Amino acid sequence: MSARKIDASAFTKTSPSTQCLTLPASAVRVRKNGIEFRHSKPMEPWTEMILALEGPADPGKIECQGVIVACDGDRRQGYTISMLFTNLSPQTRARLLAYS
């Protein structure tokens, strides 16, 4: 065996980018540990996401951090995206449940 130098760029780890999306609260279905919403484009499972919800009666946005766990549908009818919350405070959870 001989030692040789290899290209280290083949082993670099790339982190997935976090996507951000703003939706009206009426466009989501709030679940116990996450939300479901419709979107015109597909999203890859395990994509980290920050979602900002705009409430009708609430003046501020609610920001939720999560991971896409499912994407079902097609390009003609749209996609149903399921997102699981990864870090949600009790106050934010209470505000979200008020939307459901």
N, C-alpha and C. Protein backbone atom coordinates (compact mmCIF):
# COMPACT_ATOMS: atom_id res chain seq x y z
N MET A 1 0.84 -1.18 0.00
CA MET A 1 0.00 0.00 0.00
C MET A 1 0.88 1.24 0.00
N SER A 2 0.36 2.24 -0.61
CA SER A 2 1.09 3.50 -0.62
C SER A 2 0.16 4.61 -0.16
N ALA A 3 0.76 5.61 0.41
CA ALA A 3 -0.01 6.77 0.85
C ALA A 3 -0.05 7.77 -0.28
N ARG A 4 -1.20 8.36 -0.45
CA ARG A 4 -1.31 9.40 -1.48
C ARG A 4 -2.24 10.48 -0.98
N LYS A 5 -2.09 11.62 -1.52
CA LYS A 5 -2.90 12.77 -1.15
C LYS A 5 -4.22 12.71 -1.91
N ILE A 6 -5.33 12.90 -1.17
CA ILE A 6 -6.63 12.92 -1.83
C ILE A 6 -7.24 14.30 -1.72
N ASP A 7 -8.18 14.55 -2.57
CA ASP A 7 -8.87 15.84 -2.58
C ASP A 7 -9.83 15.89 -1.38
N ALA A 8 -9.58 16.78 -0.43
CA ALA A 8 -10.39 16.89 0.78
C ALA A 8 -11.78 17.47 0.50
N SER A 9 -11.98 18.12 -0.64
CA SER A 9 -13.28 18.71 -0.93
C SER A 9 -14.35 17.64 -1.14
N ALA A 10 -13.93 16.42 -1.40
CA ALA A 10 -14.90 15.34 -1.56
C ALA A 10 -15.57 14.98 -0.24
N PHE A 11 -14.97 15.39 0.87
CA PHE A 11 -15.49 15.03 2.18
C PHE A 11 -16.12 16.20 2.93
N THR A 12 -16.26 17.33 2.30
CA THR A 12 -16.87 18.47 2.99
C THR A 12 -18.35 18.23 3.17
N LYS A 13 -18.82 18.61 4.31
CA LYS A 13 -20.22 18.41 4.65
C LYS A 13 -20.98 19.71 4.37
N THR A 14 -22.02 19.62 3.60
CA THR A 14 -22.83 20.79 3.33
C THR A 14 -24.08 20.72 4.18
N SER A 15 -24.41 21.81 4.83
CA SER A 15 -25.61 21.83 5.66
C SER A 15 -26.78 22.29 4.80
N PRO A 16 -27.96 21.68 5.01
CA PRO A 16 -29.12 22.10 4.21
C PRO A 16 -29.53 23.51 4.60
N SER A 17 -29.98 24.25 3.63
CA SER A 17 -30.39 25.61 3.91
C SER A 17 -31.76 25.62 4.56
N THR A 18 -31.98 26.58 5.42
CA THR A 18 -33.26 26.73 6.07
C THR A 18 -34.14 27.62 5.21
N GLN A 19 -35.34 27.17 4.94
CA GLN A 19 -36.27 27.94 4.13
C GLN A 19 -37.19 28.74 5.03
N CYS A 20 -37.62 29.89 4.57
CA CYS A 20 -38.56 30.73 5.29
C CYS A 20 -39.81 30.92 4.44
N LEU A 21 -40.97 30.90 5.10
CA LEU A 21 -42.23 31.03 4.40
C LEU A 21 -43.19 31.79 5.30
N THR A 22 -43.97 32.70 4.72
CA THR A 22 -44.99 33.44 5.46
C THR A 22 -46.35 33.06 4.91
N LEU A 23 -47.25 32.65 5.82
CA LEU A 23 -48.60 32.23 5.43
C LEU A 23 -49.63 32.89 6.32
N PRO A 24 -50.85 33.11 5.80
CA PRO A 24 -51.93 33.55 6.69
C PRO A 24 -52.35 32.38 7.57
N ALA A 25 -52.78 32.67 8.78
CA ALA A 25 -53.16 31.60 9.72
C ALA A 25 -54.32 30.78 9.20
N SER A 26 -55.15 31.35 8.35
CA SER A 26 -56.29 30.62 7.80
C SER A 26 -55.86 29.54 6.80
N ALA A 27 -54.61 29.58 6.35
CA ALA A 27 -54.14 28.63 5.34
C ALA A 27 -53.50 27.39 5.95
N VAL A 28 -53.46 27.29 7.27
CA VAL A 28 -52.82 26.14 7.91
C VAL A 28 -53.80 25.39 8.79
N ARG A 29 -53.53 24.11 8.97
CA ARG A 29 -54.26 23.29 9.93
C ARG A 29 -53.29 22.99 11.06
N VAL A 30 -53.63 23.46 12.24
CA VAL A 30 -52.76 23.28 13.40
C VAL A 30 -53.02 21.90 13.99
N ARG A 31 -51.96 21.17 14.23
CA ARG A 31 -52.00 19.86 14.86
C ARG A 31 -51.29 19.95 16.21
N LYS A 32 -51.29 18.86 16.96
CA LYS A 32 -50.69 18.86 18.28
C LYS A 32 -49.19 19.18 18.24
N ASN A 33 -48.46 18.56 17.34
CA ASN A 33 -47.01 18.74 17.27
C ASN A 33 -46.53 19.38 15.98
N GLY A 34 -47.45 19.95 15.21
CA GLY A 34 -47.04 20.54 13.95
C GLY A 34 -48.21 21.16 13.22
N ILE A 35 -48.00 21.41 11.93
CA ILE A 35 -49.05 22.01 11.11
C ILE A 35 -49.03 21.37 9.72
N GLU A 36 -50.13 21.54 9.01
CA GLU A 36 -50.25 21.15 7.61
C GLU A 36 -50.68 22.38 6.82
N PHE A 37 -50.14 22.52 5.62
CA PHE A 37 -50.54 23.63 4.76
C PHE A 37 -50.37 23.23 3.31
N ARG A 38 -51.03 23.97 2.44
CA ARG A 38 -50.94 23.74 0.99
C ARG A 38 -49.90 24.69 0.42
N HIS A 39 -49.19 24.20 -0.59
CA HIS A 39 -48.17 25.02 -1.23
C HIS A 39 -48.11 24.66 -2.70
N SER A 40 -47.74 25.61 -3.54
CA SER A 40 -47.70 25.36 -4.98
C SER A 40 -46.46 24.59 -5.42
N LYS A 41 -45.43 24.56 -4.57
CA LYS A 41 -44.19 23.87 -4.92
C LYS A 41 -43.92 22.75 -3.92
N PRO A 42 -43.30 21.66 -4.38
CA PRO A 42 -42.97 20.58 -3.44
C PRO A 42 -41.81 20.98 -2.54
N MET A 43 -41.75 20.36 -1.37
CA MET A 43 -40.66 20.59 -0.44
C MET A 43 -40.08 19.24 -0.03
N GLU A 44 -38.79 19.18 0.03
CA GLU A 44 -38.11 17.94 0.37
C GLU A 44 -38.30 17.61 1.85
N PRO A 45 -38.60 16.35 2.18
CA PRO A 45 -38.65 15.95 3.59
C PRO A 45 -37.30 16.20 4.26
N TRP A 46 -37.34 16.49 5.53
CA TRP A 46 -36.20 16.78 6.40
C TRP A 46 -35.58 18.14 6.11
N THR A 47 -36.30 18.99 5.39
CA THR A 47 -35.86 20.36 5.19
C THR A 47 -36.23 21.18 6.42
N GLU A 48 -35.25 21.88 6.98
CA GLU A 48 -35.54 22.76 8.11
C GLU A 48 -36.25 24.00 7.60
N MET A 49 -37.20 24.49 8.38
CA MET A 49 -38.01 25.60 7.91
C MET A 49 -38.40 26.52 9.05
N ILE A 50 -38.49 27.79 8.74
CA ILE A 50 -39.04 28.78 9.66
C ILE A 50 -40.31 29.30 8.99
N LEU A 51 -41.42 29.18 9.70
CA LEU A 51 -42.72 29.57 9.16
C LEU A 51 -43.26 30.73 9.99
N ALA A 52 -43.63 31.81 9.33
CA ALA A 52 -44.23 32.97 9.99
C ALA A 52 -45.72 32.97 9.66
N LEU A 53 -46.55 32.94 10.70
CA LEU A 53 -48.00 32.95 10.52
C LEU A 53 -48.55 34.31 10.87
N GLU A 54 -49.41 34.82 10.00
CA GLU A 54 -50.06 36.10 10.23
C GLU A 54 -51.49 35.85 10.67
N GLY A 55 -51.80 36.22 11.90
CA GLY A 55 -53.14 36.00 12.42
C GLY A 55 -54.10 37.11 12.05
N PRO A 56 -55.39 36.81 11.91
CA PRO A 56 -56.36 37.83 11.54
C PRO A 56 -56.60 38.84 12.66
N ALA A 57 -56.68 38.37 13.90
CA ALA A 57 -56.96 39.27 15.01
C ALA A 57 -55.69 39.65 15.76
N ASP A 58 -54.64 38.88 15.58
CA ASP A 58 -53.38 39.10 16.29
C ASP A 58 -52.48 39.99 15.45
N PRO A 59 -52.02 41.12 15.97
CA PRO A 59 -51.23 42.02 15.14
C PRO A 59 -49.83 41.50 14.81
N GLY A 60 -49.25 40.67 15.66
CA GLY A 60 -47.90 40.18 15.40
C GLY A 60 -47.88 38.83 14.71
N LYS A 61 -46.75 38.53 14.09
CA LYS A 61 -46.58 37.24 13.44
C LYS A 61 -46.10 36.22 14.47
N ILE A 62 -46.47 34.98 14.23
CA ILE A 62 -45.96 33.87 15.04
C ILE A 62 -44.92 33.15 14.20
N GLU A 63 -43.72 33.03 14.72
CA GLU A 63 -42.67 32.31 14.01
C GLU A 63 -42.49 30.94 14.63
N CYS A 64 -42.53 29.92 13.78
CA CYS A 64 -42.40 28.54 14.21
C CYS A 64 -41.23 27.91 13.46
N GLN A 65 -40.44 27.16 14.18
CA GLN A 65 -39.33 26.46 13.57
C GLN A 65 -39.67 24.98 13.53
N GLY A 66 -39.37 24.33 12.40
CA GLY A 66 -39.71 22.93 12.29
C GLY A 66 -39.00 22.25 11.14
N VAL A 67 -39.44 21.01 10.89
CA VAL A 67 -38.86 20.17 9.85
C VAL A 67 -40.01 19.62 9.01
N ILE A 68 -39.85 19.65 7.70
CA ILE A 68 -40.84 19.07 6.80
C ILE A 68 -40.74 17.55 6.92
N VAL A 69 -41.86 16.90 7.22
CA VAL A 69 -41.85 15.45 7.37
C VAL A 69 -42.61 14.74 6.25
N ALA A 70 -43.46 15.46 5.52
CA ALA A 70 -44.19 14.83 4.41
C ALA A 70 -44.59 15.89 3.39
N CYS A 71 -44.64 15.45 2.14
CA CYS A 71 -45.08 16.31 1.04
C CYS A 71 -45.83 15.42 0.06
N ASP A 72 -47.14 15.62 -0.02
CA ASP A 72 -47.99 14.81 -0.89
C ASP A 72 -48.72 15.72 -1.88
N GLY A 73 -48.94 15.22 -3.08
CA GLY A 73 -49.69 15.97 -4.07
C GLY A 73 -49.01 15.98 -5.42
N ASP A 74 -49.47 16.88 -6.29
CA ASP A 74 -48.86 17.04 -7.60
C ASP A 74 -48.89 18.51 -8.01
N ARG A 75 -48.23 18.81 -9.12
CA ARG A 75 -48.08 20.22 -9.50
C ARG A 75 -49.38 20.87 -9.97
N ARG A 76 -50.35 20.08 -10.42
CA ARG A 76 -51.61 20.67 -10.88
C ARG A 76 -52.52 21.05 -9.72
N GLN A 77 -52.61 20.20 -8.72
CA GLN A 77 -53.53 20.45 -7.60
C GLN A 77 -52.83 21.05 -6.39
N GLY A 78 -51.52 21.11 -6.40
CA GLY A 78 -50.77 21.64 -5.27
C GLY A 78 -50.30 20.53 -4.34
N TYR A 79 -49.55 20.92 -3.35
CA TYR A 79 -48.94 19.96 -2.43
C TYR A 79 -49.41 20.22 -1.01
N THR A 80 -49.63 19.15 -0.27
CA THR A 80 -49.94 19.24 1.15
C THR A 80 -48.65 18.97 1.90
N ILE A 81 -48.20 19.96 2.65
CA ILE A 81 -46.94 19.88 3.37
C ILE A 81 -47.24 19.67 4.85
N SER A 82 -46.55 18.71 5.47
CA SER A 82 -46.66 18.48 6.91
C SER A 82 -45.35 18.87 7.56
N MET A 83 -45.44 19.73 8.57
CA MET A 83 -44.26 20.22 9.26
C MET A 83 -44.37 19.88 10.74
N LEU A 84 -43.31 19.31 11.30
CA LEU A 84 -43.23 18.97 12.71
C LEU A 84 -42.44 20.05 13.42
N PHE A 85 -42.99 20.58 14.51
CA PHE A 85 -42.29 21.62 15.27
C PHE A 85 -41.06 21.03 15.95
N THR A 86 -39.97 21.78 15.96
CA THR A 86 -38.76 21.32 16.62
C THR A 86 -38.46 22.10 17.89
N ASN A 87 -38.90 23.33 17.97
CA ASN A 87 -38.61 24.14 19.14
C ASN A 87 -39.74 25.15 19.29
N LEU A 88 -40.68 24.86 20.18
CA LEU A 88 -41.86 25.70 20.32
C LEU A 88 -42.09 25.99 21.80
N SER A 89 -42.16 27.25 22.13
CA SER A 89 -42.40 27.63 23.52
C SER A 89 -43.87 27.40 23.88
N PRO A 90 -44.18 27.25 25.16
CA PRO A 90 -45.58 27.07 25.57
C PRO A 90 -46.46 28.26 25.18
N GLN A 91 -45.92 29.48 25.20
CA GLN A 91 -46.69 30.65 24.81
C GLN A 91 -47.03 30.62 23.33
N THR A 92 -46.07 30.24 22.50
CA THR A 92 -46.32 30.15 21.06
C THR A 92 -47.31 29.04 20.76
N ARG A 93 -47.19 27.91 21.47
CA ARG A 93 -48.13 26.80 21.28
C ARG A 93 -49.55 27.25 21.60
N ALA A 94 -49.73 28.02 22.68
CA ALA A 94 -51.06 28.51 23.06
C ALA A 94 -51.61 29.44 22.00
N ARG A 95 -50.77 30.32 21.44
CA ARG A 95 -51.23 31.22 20.37
C ARG A 95 -51.63 30.45 19.13
N LEU A 96 -50.88 29.39 18.79
CA LEU A 96 -51.21 28.57 17.63
C LEU A 96 -52.53 27.83 17.82
N LEU A 97 -52.73 27.28 18.99
CA LEU A 97 -53.97 26.54 19.24
C LEU A 97 -55.19 27.46 19.19
N ALA A 98 -55.00 28.75 19.42
CA ALA A 98 -56.11 29.70 19.32
C ALA A 98 -56.55 29.85 17.86
N TYR A 99 -55.67 29.56 16.91
CA TYR A 99 -56.01 29.66 15.49
C TYR A 99 -56.81 28.47 14.99
N SER A 100 -56.74 27.35 15.69
CA SER A 100 -57.40 26.14 15.19
C SER A 100 -58.88 26.12 15.50
